[in-house]
Amino acid sequence: MGNLTDIQRRAIVNDLLFSCRDGKPPHGTFAKLAEVYGCHWHSIKRIWDRYQKNVAQGIADGAPESRIKGNSGRKPYDRSKLAAKLKKVPVFQRRRVAATAARIGVSTSLIRSLVDEGYLTRRSRRIKPHLSDNNKIQRMQHTLTFINEQTYQFENMYGMIHIDEKLFNEDIDERTFLVLPDEELPERHRQSKRFIPKTMFLAAVARPRCRRRSLRGN
């Protein structure tokens, strides 16, 4: 709900004067005018009270116009100055809104506004494998061991036990940063995702093994 214009304020006073009975507006008039002009009835009452006070002080027209002149309210942050502050913070340290806001001394809502307005964008960078020639050869040789030499098709692996290790990585594969449009994401290289230091749980999964005939009674 915006502020009432001077024309609306003058119209409200005229409507109140027209509806007055014995110098007082009837009960419910403030609420009706508030619905017409899209404001709270307290605003209508304040305009009427100030009009009466000004008339009592000798101001003929009551001067109901707004006392807020020109540009008012809190001035918006200069986006170029914010961009200069953000550039001083390394991109690697701009992963979360709250942390970024704390590092440049602004509110989190302002950082979210920059994201909504397009001054900041959320972009992700995955860890890229940094393989040596020996690593590439080993991967190829490991893949070839799963090919059936007679059919030249990959084995179904029904007889394999799949082992997996999980959790508590020192780093993650993909990280999101808050960057300006002209900034590059920081490079993140490791030999492979498998080389991130971690504390692991070991899990093994395989197809059930059982005999066709029950062992009970044997």
N, C-alpha and C. Protein backbone atom coordinates (compact mmCIF):
# COMPACT_ATOMS: atom_id res chain seq x y z
N MET A 1 0.85 -1.18 0.00
CA MET A 1 0.00 0.00 0.00
C MET A 1 0.89 1.24 0.00
N GLY A 2 0.80 2.07 -1.08
CA GLY A 2 1.62 3.26 -1.19
C GLY A 2 1.02 4.43 -0.44
N ASN A 3 1.78 5.53 -0.41
CA ASN A 3 1.30 6.74 0.24
C ASN A 3 0.21 7.40 -0.60
N LEU A 4 -0.73 8.04 0.05
CA LEU A 4 -1.79 8.76 -0.64
C LEU A 4 -1.21 10.02 -1.29
N THR A 5 -1.68 10.33 -2.49
CA THR A 5 -1.23 11.54 -3.17
C THR A 5 -1.94 12.76 -2.57
N ASP A 6 -1.42 13.95 -2.91
CA ASP A 6 -2.05 15.18 -2.42
C ASP A 6 -3.47 15.33 -2.95
N ILE A 7 -3.70 14.89 -4.19
CA ILE A 7 -5.05 14.97 -4.77
C ILE A 7 -6.00 14.07 -4.01
N GLN A 8 -5.54 12.87 -3.66
CA GLN A 8 -6.39 11.95 -2.89
C GLN A 8 -6.67 12.51 -1.49
N ARG A 9 -5.67 13.10 -0.87
CA ARG A 9 -5.87 13.67 0.46
C ARG A 9 -6.90 14.81 0.42
N ARG A 10 -6.80 15.66 -0.59
CA ARG A 10 -7.77 16.75 -0.71
C ARG A 10 -9.17 16.19 -0.97
N ALA A 11 -9.27 15.12 -1.79
CA ALA A 11 -10.57 14.52 -2.06
C ALA A 11 -11.15 13.88 -0.80
N ILE A 12 -10.31 13.29 0.03
CA ILE A 12 -10.78 12.69 1.29
C ILE A 12 -11.37 13.77 2.20
N VAL A 13 -10.68 14.91 2.31
CA VAL A 13 -11.20 16.01 3.13
C VAL A 13 -12.54 16.50 2.60
N ASN A 14 -12.64 16.64 1.27
CA ASN A 14 -13.90 17.10 0.68
C ASN A 14 -15.03 16.11 0.96
N ASP A 15 -14.73 14.81 0.85
CA ASP A 15 -15.76 13.80 1.13
C ASP A 15 -16.20 13.84 2.60
N LEU A 16 -15.24 14.06 3.49
CA LEU A 16 -15.59 14.13 4.91
C LEU A 16 -16.41 15.38 5.22
N LEU A 17 -16.04 16.51 4.61
CA LEU A 17 -16.81 17.74 4.83
C LEU A 17 -18.24 17.59 4.31
N PHE A 18 -18.36 16.89 3.17
CA PHE A 18 -19.69 16.71 2.57
C PHE A 18 -20.57 15.81 3.44
N SER A 19 -19.94 14.85 4.13
CA SER A 19 -20.72 13.89 4.93
C SER A 19 -20.94 14.34 6.37
N CYS A 20 -20.32 15.44 6.79
CA CYS A 20 -20.40 15.87 8.20
C CYS A 20 -21.83 16.23 8.60
N ARG A 21 -22.15 15.88 9.83
CA ARG A 21 -23.41 16.27 10.46
C ARG A 21 -23.06 16.95 11.78
N ASP A 22 -23.41 18.20 11.89
CA ASP A 22 -23.07 19.00 13.08
C ASP A 22 -21.56 19.05 13.30
N GLY A 23 -20.82 19.13 12.19
CA GLY A 23 -19.37 19.27 12.28
C GLY A 23 -18.61 17.99 12.50
N LYS A 24 -19.30 16.84 12.54
CA LYS A 24 -18.64 15.56 12.75
C LYS A 24 -19.08 14.57 11.68
N PRO A 25 -18.14 13.79 11.15
CA PRO A 25 -18.54 12.75 10.19
C PRO A 25 -19.28 11.63 10.90
N PRO A 26 -20.31 11.06 10.28
CA PRO A 26 -21.07 9.97 10.90
C PRO A 26 -20.19 8.75 11.18
N HIS A 27 -20.65 7.93 12.10
CA HIS A 27 -19.92 6.71 12.46
C HIS A 27 -19.80 5.79 11.24
N GLY A 28 -18.60 5.28 10.98
CA GLY A 28 -18.36 4.37 9.86
C GLY A 28 -17.86 5.07 8.61
N THR A 29 -17.82 6.42 8.63
CA THR A 29 -17.37 7.15 7.43
C THR A 29 -15.90 6.88 7.14
N PHE A 30 -15.06 6.84 8.17
CA PHE A 30 -13.63 6.59 7.96
C PHE A 30 -13.39 5.23 7.30
N ALA A 31 -14.12 4.22 7.76
CA ALA A 31 -13.95 2.87 7.20
C ALA A 31 -14.39 2.81 5.74
N LYS A 32 -15.51 3.51 5.42
CA LYS A 32 -16.00 3.52 4.04
C LYS A 32 -15.01 4.20 3.10
N LEU A 33 -14.48 5.35 3.54
CA LEU A 33 -13.51 6.06 2.70
C LEU A 33 -12.20 5.27 2.59
N ALA A 34 -11.82 4.57 3.65
CA ALA A 34 -10.61 3.75 3.58
C ALA A 34 -10.74 2.66 2.52
N GLU A 35 -11.93 2.09 2.40
CA GLU A 35 -12.16 1.07 1.38
C GLU A 35 -12.13 1.67 -0.01
N VAL A 36 -12.64 2.90 -0.15
CA VAL A 36 -12.66 3.57 -1.45
C VAL A 36 -11.25 3.92 -1.91
N TYR A 37 -10.42 4.43 -1.00
CA TYR A 37 -9.09 4.92 -1.37
C TYR A 37 -7.99 3.88 -1.12
N GLY A 38 -8.36 2.69 -0.68
CA GLY A 38 -7.38 1.61 -0.54
C GLY A 38 -6.34 1.86 0.54
N CYS A 39 -6.78 2.31 1.71
CA CYS A 39 -5.85 2.55 2.81
C CYS A 39 -6.53 2.14 4.12
N HIS A 40 -5.82 2.29 5.23
CA HIS A 40 -6.39 1.96 6.54
C HIS A 40 -7.20 3.14 7.04
N TRP A 41 -8.22 2.85 7.84
CA TRP A 41 -9.07 3.94 8.31
C TRP A 41 -8.33 4.87 9.25
N HIS A 42 -7.23 4.39 9.85
CA HIS A 42 -6.40 5.28 10.67
C HIS A 42 -5.81 6.40 9.82
N SER A 43 -5.46 6.09 8.57
CA SER A 43 -4.91 7.12 7.68
C SER A 43 -5.95 8.20 7.40
N ILE A 44 -7.20 7.79 7.18
CA ILE A 44 -8.27 8.76 6.96
C ILE A 44 -8.45 9.64 8.20
N LYS A 45 -8.41 9.03 9.36
CA LYS A 45 -8.59 9.79 10.61
C LYS A 45 -7.45 10.77 10.82
N ARG A 46 -6.20 10.37 10.51
CA ARG A 46 -5.07 11.28 10.69
C ARG A 46 -5.19 12.49 9.76
N ILE A 47 -5.62 12.25 8.53
CA ILE A 47 -5.81 13.37 7.59
C ILE A 47 -6.88 14.33 8.11
N TRP A 48 -7.96 13.78 8.61
CA TRP A 48 -9.06 14.61 9.13
C TRP A 48 -8.63 15.38 10.39
N ASP A 49 -7.91 14.72 11.28
CA ASP A 49 -7.44 15.40 12.49
C ASP A 49 -6.47 16.53 12.15
N ARG A 50 -5.57 16.30 11.21
CA ARG A 50 -4.62 17.36 10.85
C ARG A 50 -5.31 18.51 10.15
N TYR A 51 -6.32 18.17 9.34
CA TYR A 51 -7.08 19.24 8.67
C TYR A 51 -7.77 20.12 9.71
N GLN A 52 -8.42 19.51 10.69
CA GLN A 52 -9.10 20.29 11.73
C GLN A 52 -8.11 21.12 12.55
N LYS A 53 -6.95 20.56 12.85
CA LYS A 53 -5.94 21.28 13.62
C LYS A 53 -5.43 22.48 12.85
N ASN A 54 -5.19 22.30 11.54
CA ASN A 54 -4.69 23.41 10.72
C ASN A 54 -5.73 24.51 10.59
N VAL A 55 -7.00 24.14 10.44
CA VAL A 55 -8.06 25.15 10.35
C VAL A 55 -8.15 25.93 11.66
N ALA A 56 -8.02 25.24 12.78
CA ALA A 56 -8.07 25.91 14.09
C ALA A 56 -6.91 26.88 14.27
N GLN A 57 -5.78 26.61 13.58
CA GLN A 57 -4.61 27.49 13.68
C GLN A 57 -4.65 28.62 12.66
N GLY A 58 -5.73 28.69 11.89
CA GLY A 58 -5.89 29.80 10.96
C GLY A 58 -5.51 29.50 9.53
N ILE A 59 -5.21 28.24 9.23
CA ILE A 59 -4.91 27.87 7.84
C ILE A 59 -6.23 27.59 7.14
N ALA A 60 -6.57 28.43 6.18
CA ALA A 60 -7.91 28.40 5.61
C ALA A 60 -8.25 27.07 4.95
N ASP A 61 -7.34 26.57 4.12
CA ASP A 61 -7.66 25.34 3.38
C ASP A 61 -7.35 24.07 4.17
N GLY A 62 -6.79 24.20 5.35
CA GLY A 62 -6.50 23.04 6.18
C GLY A 62 -5.22 22.31 5.84
N ALA A 63 -4.67 22.56 4.66
CA ALA A 63 -3.38 21.97 4.22
C ALA A 63 -3.30 20.48 4.52
N PRO A 64 -4.17 19.66 3.88
CA PRO A 64 -4.11 18.21 4.15
C PRO A 64 -3.04 17.48 3.34
N GLU A 65 -2.27 18.22 2.54
CA GLU A 65 -1.29 17.58 1.67
C GLU A 65 -0.21 16.85 2.49
N SER A 66 0.42 15.91 1.83
CA SER A 66 1.46 15.11 2.49
C SER A 66 2.65 15.98 2.86
N ARG A 67 3.24 15.68 4.00
CA ARG A 67 4.44 16.39 4.43
C ARG A 67 5.72 15.70 3.95
N ILE A 68 5.55 14.62 3.23
CA ILE A 68 6.70 13.93 2.64
C ILE A 68 6.91 14.51 1.25
N LYS A 69 7.96 15.27 1.06
CA LYS A 69 8.21 15.94 -0.20
C LYS A 69 9.46 15.34 -0.87
N GLY A 70 9.42 15.27 -2.18
CA GLY A 70 10.57 14.77 -2.93
C GLY A 70 10.83 13.30 -2.69
N ASN A 71 12.05 12.89 -2.96
CA ASN A 71 12.44 11.50 -2.72
C ASN A 71 12.60 11.26 -1.23
N SER A 72 11.97 10.24 -0.74
CA SER A 72 12.01 9.95 0.69
C SER A 72 12.28 8.47 0.90
N GLY A 73 12.54 8.15 2.15
CA GLY A 73 12.80 6.76 2.47
C GLY A 73 14.26 6.40 2.31
N ARG A 74 14.56 5.17 2.64
CA ARG A 74 15.94 4.70 2.59
C ARG A 74 16.40 4.58 1.15
N LYS A 75 17.58 5.12 0.88
CA LYS A 75 18.12 5.09 -0.47
C LYS A 75 18.63 3.68 -0.79
N PRO A 76 18.43 3.22 -2.01
CA PRO A 76 18.91 1.87 -2.37
C PRO A 76 20.43 1.82 -2.40
N TYR A 77 20.96 0.63 -2.16
CA TYR A 77 22.41 0.45 -2.22
C TYR A 77 22.89 0.60 -3.66
N ASP A 78 24.04 1.23 -3.80
CA ASP A 78 24.67 1.37 -5.11
C ASP A 78 25.20 0.00 -5.52
N ARG A 79 24.65 -0.54 -6.60
CA ARG A 79 25.02 -1.89 -7.03
C ARG A 79 26.49 -1.97 -7.44
N SER A 80 27.03 -0.89 -7.99
CA SER A 80 28.44 -0.92 -8.40
C SER A 80 29.36 -1.00 -7.18
N LYS A 81 28.98 -0.31 -6.08
CA LYS A 81 29.78 -0.39 -4.86
C LYS A 81 29.70 -1.78 -4.24
N LEU A 82 28.50 -2.38 -4.30
CA LEU A 82 28.36 -3.74 -3.79
C LEU A 82 29.20 -4.72 -4.60
N ALA A 83 29.21 -4.51 -5.93
CA ALA A 83 30.01 -5.38 -6.79
C ALA A 83 31.49 -5.26 -6.44
N ALA A 84 31.94 -4.02 -6.14
CA ALA A 84 33.35 -3.82 -5.77
C ALA A 84 33.68 -4.54 -4.46
N LYS A 85 32.74 -4.51 -3.51
CA LYS A 85 32.96 -5.23 -2.25
C LYS A 85 33.00 -6.74 -2.47
N LEU A 86 32.10 -7.22 -3.33
CA LEU A 86 32.05 -8.66 -3.58
C LEU A 86 33.32 -9.15 -4.26
N LYS A 87 33.90 -8.32 -5.14
CA LYS A 87 35.11 -8.74 -5.84
C LYS A 87 36.28 -8.93 -4.88
N LYS A 88 36.24 -8.24 -3.74
CA LYS A 88 37.33 -8.38 -2.77
C LYS A 88 37.25 -9.71 -2.01
N VAL A 89 36.08 -10.33 -2.04
CA VAL A 89 35.91 -11.62 -1.37
C VAL A 89 36.19 -12.73 -2.39
N PRO A 90 37.13 -13.63 -2.14
CA PRO A 90 37.41 -14.70 -3.10
C PRO A 90 36.14 -15.50 -3.41
N VAL A 91 36.02 -15.88 -4.67
CA VAL A 91 34.83 -16.63 -5.10
C VAL A 91 34.70 -17.91 -4.29
N PHE A 92 35.82 -18.50 -3.90
CA PHE A 92 35.77 -19.76 -3.16
C PHE A 92 35.10 -19.59 -1.80
N GLN A 93 35.05 -18.36 -1.29
CA GLN A 93 34.42 -18.09 0.00
C GLN A 93 32.98 -17.60 -0.15
N ARG A 94 32.45 -17.63 -1.35
CA ARG A 94 31.08 -17.16 -1.58
C ARG A 94 30.17 -18.32 -1.94
N ARG A 95 30.08 -19.29 -1.02
CA ARG A 95 29.26 -20.47 -1.29
C ARG A 95 27.87 -20.35 -0.70
N ARG A 96 27.71 -19.55 0.36
CA ARG A 96 26.42 -19.42 1.04
C ARG A 96 26.05 -17.95 1.16
N VAL A 97 24.73 -17.69 1.12
CA VAL A 97 24.24 -16.31 1.19
C VAL A 97 24.64 -15.66 2.51
N ALA A 98 24.43 -16.36 3.62
CA ALA A 98 24.71 -15.78 4.93
C ALA A 98 26.20 -15.46 5.09
N ALA A 99 27.06 -16.38 4.66
CA ALA A 99 28.50 -16.16 4.79
C ALA A 99 28.96 -15.01 3.90
N THR A 100 28.41 -14.93 2.69
CA THR A 100 28.77 -13.84 1.79
C THR A 100 28.34 -12.50 2.34
N ALA A 101 27.12 -12.43 2.88
CA ALA A 101 26.62 -11.18 3.45
C ALA A 101 27.48 -10.75 4.64
N ALA A 102 27.89 -11.68 5.47
CA ALA A 102 28.70 -11.34 6.64
C ALA A 102 30.07 -10.82 6.24
N ARG A 103 30.62 -11.33 5.16
CA ARG A 103 31.97 -10.93 4.76
C ARG A 103 32.01 -9.52 4.18
N ILE A 104 30.90 -9.04 3.60
CA ILE A 104 30.90 -7.68 3.06
C ILE A 104 30.08 -6.72 3.91
N GLY A 105 29.52 -7.23 5.01
CA GLY A 105 28.83 -6.36 5.96
C GLY A 105 27.47 -5.87 5.53
N VAL A 106 26.68 -6.71 4.86
CA VAL A 106 25.31 -6.34 4.47
C VAL A 106 24.37 -7.43 4.96
N SER A 107 23.08 -7.21 4.77
CA SER A 107 22.08 -8.18 5.21
C SER A 107 21.95 -9.31 4.20
N THR A 108 21.46 -10.44 4.67
CA THR A 108 21.25 -11.58 3.77
C THR A 108 20.15 -11.28 2.76
N SER A 109 19.16 -10.47 3.15
CA SER A 109 18.08 -10.14 2.22
C SER A 109 18.61 -9.35 1.03
N LEU A 110 19.64 -8.52 1.25
CA LEU A 110 20.21 -7.76 0.14
C LEU A 110 20.92 -8.69 -0.84
N ILE A 111 21.63 -9.69 -0.32
CA ILE A 111 22.29 -10.65 -1.21
C ILE A 111 21.25 -11.43 -2.01
N ARG A 112 20.15 -11.81 -1.36
CA ARG A 112 19.09 -12.51 -2.09
C ARG A 112 18.48 -11.60 -3.16
N SER A 113 18.36 -10.31 -2.86
CA SER A 113 17.84 -9.37 -3.86
C SER A 113 18.78 -9.28 -5.06
N LEU A 114 20.08 -9.29 -4.81
CA LEU A 114 21.04 -9.26 -5.91
C LEU A 114 20.92 -10.51 -6.78
N VAL A 115 20.64 -11.64 -6.14
CA VAL A 115 20.44 -12.88 -6.91
C VAL A 115 19.16 -12.78 -7.74
N ASP A 116 18.08 -12.28 -7.13
CA ASP A 116 16.81 -12.16 -7.84
C ASP A 116 16.91 -11.16 -8.99
N GLU A 117 17.69 -10.10 -8.81
CA GLU A 117 17.82 -9.07 -9.84
C GLU A 117 18.81 -9.45 -10.93
N GLY A 118 19.55 -10.52 -10.73
CA GLY A 118 20.49 -10.96 -11.76
C GLY A 118 21.90 -10.42 -11.60
N TYR A 119 22.17 -9.62 -10.55
CA TYR A 119 23.52 -9.12 -10.33
C TYR A 119 24.45 -10.25 -9.87
N LEU A 120 23.89 -11.22 -9.16
CA LEU A 120 24.61 -12.42 -8.76
C LEU A 120 23.91 -13.63 -9.35
N THR A 121 24.67 -14.62 -9.70
CA THR A 121 24.09 -15.85 -10.23
C THR A 121 24.64 -17.04 -9.44
N ARG A 122 23.83 -18.08 -9.35
CA ARG A 122 24.28 -19.32 -8.70
C ARG A 122 24.80 -20.26 -9.79
N ARG A 123 26.06 -20.58 -9.71
CA ARG A 123 26.67 -21.48 -10.67
C ARG A 123 27.48 -22.53 -9.93
N SER A 124 27.57 -23.68 -10.53
CA SER A 124 28.22 -24.81 -9.87
C SER A 124 29.45 -25.25 -10.65
N ARG A 125 30.41 -25.79 -9.95
CA ARG A 125 31.62 -26.32 -10.57
C ARG A 125 31.92 -27.68 -9.96
N ARG A 126 31.96 -28.69 -10.79
CA ARG A 126 32.28 -30.04 -10.34
C ARG A 126 33.80 -30.25 -10.35
N ILE A 127 34.23 -31.19 -9.53
CA ILE A 127 35.63 -31.57 -9.54
C ILE A 127 35.91 -32.37 -10.81
N LYS A 128 36.93 -31.97 -11.53
CA LYS A 128 37.26 -32.64 -12.78
C LYS A 128 38.38 -33.65 -12.54
N PRO A 129 38.28 -34.82 -13.15
CA PRO A 129 39.35 -35.81 -12.98
C PRO A 129 40.67 -35.29 -13.54
N HIS A 130 41.71 -35.49 -12.80
CA HIS A 130 43.06 -35.12 -13.24
C HIS A 130 43.85 -36.41 -13.39
N LEU A 131 43.64 -37.10 -14.51
CA LEU A 131 44.17 -38.44 -14.70
C LEU A 131 45.53 -38.40 -15.39
N SER A 132 46.41 -39.25 -14.90
CA SER A 132 47.69 -39.44 -15.58
C SER A 132 47.51 -40.47 -16.69
N ASP A 133 48.51 -40.61 -17.53
CA ASP A 133 48.43 -41.60 -18.61
C ASP A 133 48.30 -43.01 -18.04
N ASN A 134 48.97 -43.26 -16.93
CA ASN A 134 48.89 -44.58 -16.30
C ASN A 134 47.48 -44.84 -15.78
N ASN A 135 46.82 -43.80 -15.21
CA ASN A 135 45.45 -43.95 -14.74
C ASN A 135 44.52 -44.32 -15.89
N LYS A 136 44.69 -43.67 -17.02
CA LYS A 136 43.82 -43.93 -18.17
C LYS A 136 43.99 -45.37 -18.68
N ILE A 137 45.24 -45.83 -18.71
CA ILE A 137 45.49 -47.20 -19.17
C ILE A 137 44.87 -48.21 -18.20
N GLN A 138 45.00 -47.96 -16.90
CA GLN A 138 44.43 -48.87 -15.91
C GLN A 138 42.91 -48.92 -16.01
N ARG A 139 42.29 -47.79 -16.25
CA ARG A 139 40.83 -47.77 -16.39
C ARG A 139 40.39 -48.56 -17.61
N MET A 140 41.11 -48.41 -18.71
CA MET A 140 40.75 -49.14 -19.91
C MET A 140 40.94 -50.65 -19.71
N GLN A 141 42.04 -51.03 -19.08
CA GLN A 141 42.27 -52.45 -18.84
C GLN A 141 41.21 -53.03 -17.91
N HIS A 142 40.81 -52.29 -16.90
CA HIS A 142 39.77 -52.76 -15.99
C HIS A 142 38.44 -52.94 -16.72
N THR A 143 38.13 -52.04 -17.63
CA THR A 143 36.88 -52.14 -18.40
C THR A 143 36.90 -53.37 -19.30
N LEU A 144 38.04 -53.65 -19.91
CA LEU A 144 38.12 -54.78 -20.84
C LEU A 144 37.95 -56.13 -20.14
N THR A 145 38.19 -56.20 -18.84
CA THR A 145 38.04 -57.47 -18.13
C THR A 145 36.58 -57.90 -18.02
N PHE A 146 35.64 -57.03 -18.28
CA PHE A 146 34.22 -57.36 -18.19
C PHE A 146 33.62 -57.74 -19.54
N ILE A 147 34.45 -57.93 -20.56
CA ILE A 147 33.95 -58.31 -21.88
C ILE A 147 34.09 -59.82 -22.07
N ASN A 148 33.02 -60.44 -22.52
CA ASN A 148 33.03 -61.88 -22.80
C ASN A 148 33.82 -62.11 -24.08
N GLU A 149 34.84 -62.96 -24.00
CA GLU A 149 35.72 -63.17 -25.14
C GLU A 149 35.04 -63.90 -26.29
N GLN A 150 33.94 -64.60 -26.00
CA GLN A 150 33.25 -65.33 -27.06
C GLN A 150 32.19 -64.47 -27.75
N THR A 151 31.41 -63.75 -26.95
CA THR A 151 30.33 -62.94 -27.54
C THR A 151 30.74 -61.49 -27.77
N TYR A 152 31.85 -61.08 -27.18
CA TYR A 152 32.32 -59.69 -27.25
C TYR A 152 31.27 -58.71 -26.72
N GLN A 153 30.54 -59.16 -25.72
CA GLN A 153 29.59 -58.31 -25.03
C GLN A 153 29.97 -58.22 -23.56
N PHE A 154 29.49 -57.16 -22.90
CA PHE A 154 29.79 -56.99 -21.49
C PHE A 154 29.07 -58.05 -20.66
N GLU A 155 29.75 -58.55 -19.65
CA GLU A 155 29.15 -59.54 -18.75
C GLU A 155 28.00 -58.90 -17.97
N ASN A 156 27.02 -59.75 -17.59
CA ASN A 156 25.89 -59.24 -16.83
C ASN A 156 26.22 -58.98 -15.36
N MET A 157 27.36 -59.46 -14.90
CA MET A 157 27.84 -59.22 -13.53
C MET A 157 26.93 -59.81 -12.46
N TYR A 158 26.12 -60.81 -12.81
CA TYR A 158 25.26 -61.42 -11.81
C TYR A 158 26.05 -62.13 -10.72
N GLY A 159 27.25 -62.57 -11.05
CA GLY A 159 28.06 -63.27 -10.07
C GLY A 159 29.04 -62.37 -9.34
N MET A 160 28.91 -61.07 -9.53
CA MET A 160 29.85 -60.14 -8.91
C MET A 160 29.31 -59.63 -7.57
N ILE A 161 30.22 -59.33 -6.68
CA ILE A 161 29.88 -58.66 -5.42
C ILE A 161 30.27 -57.19 -5.58
N HIS A 162 29.30 -56.33 -5.49
CA HIS A 162 29.54 -54.89 -5.67
C HIS A 162 29.87 -54.26 -4.31
N ILE A 163 31.01 -53.65 -4.24
CA ILE A 163 31.47 -53.03 -3.00
C ILE A 163 31.47 -51.51 -3.19
N ASP A 164 30.93 -50.82 -2.21
CA ASP A 164 30.87 -49.36 -2.28
C ASP A 164 31.26 -48.77 -0.93
N GLU A 165 31.93 -47.64 -0.96
CA GLU A 165 32.30 -46.96 0.27
C GLU A 165 31.73 -45.54 0.23
N LYS A 166 31.29 -45.05 1.37
CA LYS A 166 30.51 -43.82 1.38
C LYS A 166 30.86 -42.91 2.55
N LEU A 167 30.52 -41.63 2.34
CA LEU A 167 30.25 -40.61 3.36
C LEU A 167 31.46 -39.96 4.03
N PHE A 168 31.16 -38.82 4.63
CA PHE A 168 32.12 -38.00 5.36
C PHE A 168 33.29 -37.58 4.47
N ASN A 169 32.96 -37.00 3.31
CA ASN A 169 33.99 -36.48 2.43
C ASN A 169 34.55 -35.17 2.97
N GLU A 170 35.83 -34.95 2.78
CA GLU A 170 36.42 -33.66 3.13
C GLU A 170 35.90 -32.56 2.23
N ASP A 171 35.61 -32.89 0.99
CA ASP A 171 35.08 -31.94 0.01
C ASP A 171 33.97 -32.63 -0.75
N ILE A 172 33.21 -31.89 -1.53
CA ILE A 172 32.16 -32.47 -2.35
C ILE A 172 32.47 -32.22 -3.81
N ASP A 173 31.85 -33.02 -4.65
CA ASP A 173 32.13 -32.92 -6.08
C ASP A 173 31.68 -31.58 -6.65
N GLU A 174 30.49 -31.14 -6.28
CA GLU A 174 29.93 -29.92 -6.87
C GLU A 174 29.69 -28.88 -5.78
N ARG A 175 30.21 -27.68 -5.99
CA ARG A 175 29.99 -26.58 -5.06
C ARG A 175 29.38 -25.40 -5.81
N THR A 176 28.48 -24.70 -5.14
CA THR A 176 27.81 -23.54 -5.72
C THR A 176 28.41 -22.27 -5.14
N PHE A 177 28.68 -21.28 -6.01
CA PHE A 177 29.26 -20.01 -5.60
C PHE A 177 28.36 -18.87 -6.07
N LEU A 178 28.43 -17.75 -5.36
CA LEU A 178 27.73 -16.53 -5.76
C LEU A 178 28.73 -15.65 -6.49
N VAL A 179 28.56 -15.51 -7.80
CA VAL A 179 29.54 -14.80 -8.62
C VAL A 179 28.87 -13.67 -9.39
N LEU A 180 29.67 -12.67 -9.71
CA LEU A 180 29.21 -11.58 -10.57
C LEU A 180 29.26 -12.04 -12.02
N PRO A 181 28.51 -11.38 -12.91
CA PRO A 181 28.45 -11.85 -14.30
C PRO A 181 29.79 -11.92 -15.00
N ASP A 182 30.75 -11.06 -14.62
CA ASP A 182 32.04 -11.03 -15.32
C ASP A 182 33.12 -11.83 -14.59
N GLU A 183 32.74 -12.63 -13.61
CA GLU A 183 33.72 -13.40 -12.84
C GLU A 183 33.74 -14.85 -13.30
N GLU A 184 34.92 -15.44 -13.16
CA GLU A 184 35.09 -16.85 -13.48
C GLU A 184 35.04 -17.68 -12.20
N LEU A 185 34.56 -18.88 -12.32
CA LEU A 185 34.53 -19.78 -11.17
C LEU A 185 35.94 -20.26 -10.85
N PRO A 186 36.26 -20.46 -9.58
CA PRO A 186 37.59 -20.96 -9.22
C PRO A 186 37.79 -22.39 -9.71
N GLU A 187 39.00 -22.67 -10.17
CA GLU A 187 39.31 -24.02 -10.63
C GLU A 187 39.39 -24.96 -9.43
N ARG A 188 38.88 -26.15 -9.61
CA ARG A 188 38.89 -27.16 -8.56
C ARG A 188 39.35 -28.47 -9.19
N HIS A 189 40.58 -28.87 -8.92
CA HIS A 189 41.13 -30.07 -9.54
C HIS A 189 41.60 -31.04 -8.48
N ARG A 190 41.31 -32.28 -8.71
CA ARG A 190 41.90 -33.39 -7.97
C ARG A 190 42.16 -34.50 -8.99
N GLN A 191 42.96 -35.44 -8.60
CA GLN A 191 43.23 -36.53 -9.53
C GLN A 191 41.95 -37.23 -9.93
N SER A 192 41.01 -37.29 -9.00
CA SER A 192 39.70 -37.86 -9.26
C SER A 192 38.85 -37.60 -8.04
N LYS A 193 37.54 -37.76 -8.21
CA LYS A 193 36.66 -37.66 -7.05
C LYS A 193 37.02 -38.71 -6.00
N ARG A 194 37.58 -39.82 -6.45
CA ARG A 194 37.94 -40.89 -5.53
C ARG A 194 39.10 -40.52 -4.62
N PHE A 195 39.79 -39.43 -4.94
CA PHE A 195 40.96 -39.03 -4.16
C PHE A 195 40.64 -37.94 -3.15
N ILE A 196 39.35 -37.63 -2.93
CA ILE A 196 38.97 -36.70 -1.87
C ILE A 196 39.12 -37.42 -0.53
N PRO A 197 39.86 -36.88 0.42
CA PRO A 197 39.99 -37.54 1.73
C PRO A 197 38.63 -37.74 2.38
N LYS A 198 38.43 -38.89 2.94
CA LYS A 198 37.11 -39.21 3.48
C LYS A 198 37.22 -40.28 4.56
N THR A 199 36.21 -40.30 5.40
CA THR A 199 36.00 -41.41 6.33
C THR A 199 34.87 -42.25 5.77
N MET A 200 35.13 -43.52 5.53
CA MET A 200 34.22 -44.30 4.70
C MET A 200 33.54 -45.43 5.45
N PHE A 201 32.30 -45.70 5.03
CA PHE A 201 31.60 -46.92 5.39
C PHE A 201 31.71 -47.86 4.20
N LEU A 202 32.00 -49.12 4.45
CA LEU A 202 32.13 -50.10 3.39
C LEU A 202 30.86 -50.93 3.31
N ALA A 203 30.28 -51.01 2.12
CA ALA A 203 29.05 -51.79 1.92
C ALA A 203 29.25 -52.74 0.75
N ALA A 204 28.73 -53.96 0.89
CA ALA A 204 28.83 -54.97 -0.17
C ALA A 204 27.43 -55.43 -0.54
N VAL A 205 27.16 -55.49 -1.85
CA VAL A 205 25.84 -55.90 -2.35
C VAL A 205 26.04 -56.99 -3.40
N ALA A 206 25.26 -58.07 -3.28
CA ALA A 206 25.35 -59.17 -4.25
C ALA A 206 23.98 -59.82 -4.38
N ARG A 207 23.81 -60.59 -5.44
CA ARG A 207 22.57 -61.34 -5.62
C ARG A 207 22.51 -62.49 -4.62
N PRO A 208 21.31 -62.86 -4.17
CA PRO A 208 21.19 -63.95 -3.18
C PRO A 208 21.75 -65.27 -3.72
N ARG A 209 22.41 -66.01 -2.85
CA ARG A 209 22.91 -67.34 -3.18
C ARG A 209 22.08 -68.37 -2.41
N CYS A 210 21.52 -69.35 -3.11
CA CYS A 210 20.74 -70.39 -2.43
C CYS A 210 20.71 -71.64 -3.31
N ARG A 211 20.49 -72.79 -2.68
CA ARG A 211 20.36 -74.04 -3.42
C ARG A 211 18.92 -74.23 -3.84
N ARG A 212 18.73 -75.02 -4.87
CA ARG A 212 17.38 -75.29 -5.35
C ARG A 212 16.59 -76.09 -4.32
N ARG A 213 17.24 -77.04 -3.63
CA ARG A 213 16.56 -77.90 -2.66
C ARG A 213 16.87 -77.41 -1.26
N SER A 214 15.89 -77.45 -0.39
CA SER A 214 16.06 -76.99 0.98
C SER A 214 17.04 -77.89 1.72
N LEU A 215 17.87 -77.26 2.57
CA LEU A 215 18.82 -78.02 3.36
C LEU A 215 18.19 -78.59 4.61
N ARG A 216 16.96 -78.22 4.92
CA ARG A 216 16.30 -78.68 6.13
C ARG A 216 16.05 -80.20 6.04
N GLY A 217 16.42 -80.91 7.07
CA GLY A 217 16.19 -82.36 7.13
C GLY A 217 17.35 -83.17 6.59
N ASN A 218 18.37 -82.50 5.97
CA ASN A 218 19.52 -83.24 5.45
C ASN A 218 20.50 -83.53 6.57
